[in-house]
Amino acid sequence: MADQDDIDAMFGEAGGANPAKAAPEAMEISAVYDTEVEVSVVLGTSTIRVRDLLKLGRGAIVELDRKIDDLSDIIVSGRMVGRGEVTIVEDKIAVTFREFARING
């Protein structure tokens, strides 16, 4: 699991370095810190025929390809960044990160 040191290392900001002396890449990445991104969690997928889709009504059940205890994919801006466990926080659905995807260039 990534902690703040791992995140800082990924973005070139180890040990509270002076931003004025930081590499240009580190200064450029700080410009996006306040940008909002869409986060989605994929519980599973299913393929059905259109004729069967049109028959679905209230209470219909569509079975997905994952088991209840399988980790779900965490997608940020269309890219899978990790996998997590679906949970409940108060009255909302949430996800606990369990695995992080490798970031390749």
Protein backbone atom coordinates (compact mmCIF):
# COMPACT_ATOMS: atom_id res chain seq x y z
CA MET A 1 0.00 0.00 0.00
CA ALA A 2 1.34 3.44 -0.89
CA ASP A 3 2.01 5.90 1.90
CA GLN A 4 2.86 9.60 1.65
CA ASP A 5 6.59 8.87 1.15
CA ASP A 6 5.73 6.59 -1.81
CA ILE A 7 3.48 9.25 -3.31
CA ASP A 8 6.12 11.96 -2.80
CA ALA A 9 8.74 9.71 -4.42
CA MET A 10 6.48 9.11 -7.43
CA PHE A 11 6.16 12.86 -7.93
CA GLY A 12 9.77 13.76 -7.07
CA GLU A 13 9.06 15.57 -3.79
CA ALA A 14 11.08 13.64 -1.22
CA GLY A 15 11.75 15.05 2.22
CA GLY A 16 10.06 18.43 1.89
CA ALA A 17 12.45 19.72 -0.76
CA ASN A 18 12.43 23.44 -1.50
CA PRO A 19 10.05 23.96 -4.46
CA ALA A 20 12.32 26.65 -5.88
CA LYS A 21 15.13 24.09 -6.17
CA ALA A 22 12.91 21.18 -7.24
CA ALA A 23 13.24 19.62 -10.66
CA PRO A 24 11.02 21.20 -13.34
CA GLU A 25 8.98 17.97 -13.50
CA ALA A 26 8.12 18.26 -9.79
CA MET A 27 7.04 21.89 -10.17
CA GLU A 28 4.89 20.99 -13.19
CA ILE A 29 3.09 18.15 -11.40
CA SER A 30 2.17 20.41 -8.47
CA ALA A 31 0.03 22.43 -10.89
CA VAL A 32 -2.45 19.54 -11.15
CA TYR A 33 -2.90 18.77 -7.43
CA ASP A 34 -6.26 20.59 -7.25
CA THR A 35 -7.61 19.06 -10.47
CA GLU A 36 -10.66 16.85 -9.93
CA VAL A 37 -10.73 13.40 -11.54
CA GLU A 38 -13.55 10.88 -11.88
CA VAL A 39 -13.16 7.72 -9.82
CA SER A 40 -15.23 4.63 -10.69
CA VAL A 41 -15.32 1.18 -9.16
CA VAL A 42 -16.17 -1.79 -11.38
CA LEU A 43 -17.89 -4.54 -9.41
CA GLY A 44 -17.94 -6.85 -12.43
CA THR A 45 -19.18 -7.16 -15.98
CA SER A 46 -21.70 -9.20 -17.92
CA THR A 47 -22.60 -9.71 -21.57
CA ILE A 48 -26.24 -10.16 -22.52
CA ARG A 49 -28.20 -10.13 -25.76
CA VAL A 50 -30.17 -7.02 -26.65
CA ARG A 51 -33.40 -9.06 -26.67
CA ASP A 52 -32.68 -10.10 -23.06
CA LEU A 53 -31.73 -6.55 -22.11
CA LEU A 54 -35.08 -5.30 -23.42
CA LYS A 55 -36.89 -7.85 -21.22
CA LEU A 56 -35.32 -6.55 -18.01
CA GLY A 57 -37.68 -4.89 -15.60
CA ARG A 58 -37.85 -3.80 -11.99
CA GLY A 59 -36.32 -6.48 -9.79
CA ALA A 60 -34.40 -8.12 -12.65
CA ILE A 61 -31.03 -9.57 -11.70
CA VAL A 62 -27.97 -9.45 -13.96
CA GLU A 63 -25.19 -11.77 -12.82
CA LEU A 64 -21.66 -10.40 -13.00
CA ASP A 65 -18.39 -12.22 -13.66
CA ARG A 66 -16.95 -11.79 -10.16
CA LYS A 67 -17.52 -13.44 -6.82
CA ILE A 68 -18.74 -11.43 -3.84
CA ASP A 69 -15.30 -11.48 -2.17
CA ASP A 70 -13.29 -10.61 -5.32
CA LEU A 71 -11.56 -7.23 -5.42
CA SER A 72 -13.12 -4.58 -7.65
CA ASP A 73 -11.24 -2.53 -10.24
CA ILE A 74 -10.65 1.12 -9.34
CA ILE A 75 -10.68 3.35 -12.41
CA VAL A 76 -9.45 6.96 -12.41
CA SER A 77 -10.21 9.00 -15.52
CA GLY A 78 -10.65 5.83 -17.57
CA ARG A 79 -7.45 4.13 -16.38
CA MET A 80 -7.23 1.27 -13.89
CA VAL A 81 -5.11 2.40 -10.94
CA GLY A 82 -5.73 -0.43 -8.53
CA ARG A 83 -8.12 -2.87 -6.96
CA GLY A 84 -10.10 -2.62 -3.78
CA GLU A 85 -12.67 -4.06 -1.45
CA VAL A 86 -16.18 -2.62 -1.52
CA THR A 87 -17.35 -1.54 1.92
CA ILE A 88 -19.90 0.71 3.63
CA VAL A 89 -19.05 4.00 5.38
CA GLU A 90 -22.06 5.32 7.29
CA ASP A 91 -24.80 5.09 4.64
CA LYS A 92 -22.54 5.28 1.56
CA ILE A 93 -20.78 2.68 -0.56
CA ALA A 94 -16.99 3.05 -0.39
CA VAL A 95 -13.88 1.20 -1.53
CA THR A 96 -10.75 0.32 0.44
CA PHE A 97 -7.61 0.24 -1.73
CA ARG A 98 -5.90 -3.16 -1.48
CA GLU A 99 -3.63 -3.19 -4.56
CA PHE A 100 -2.08 -0.45 -6.70
CA ALA A 101 -1.42 -0.92 -10.41
CA ARG A 102 2.11 -0.40 -11.66
CA ILE A 103 2.52 2.93 -13.42
CA ASN A 104 4.50 2.54 -16.64
CA GLY A 105 5.90 5.73 -18.15
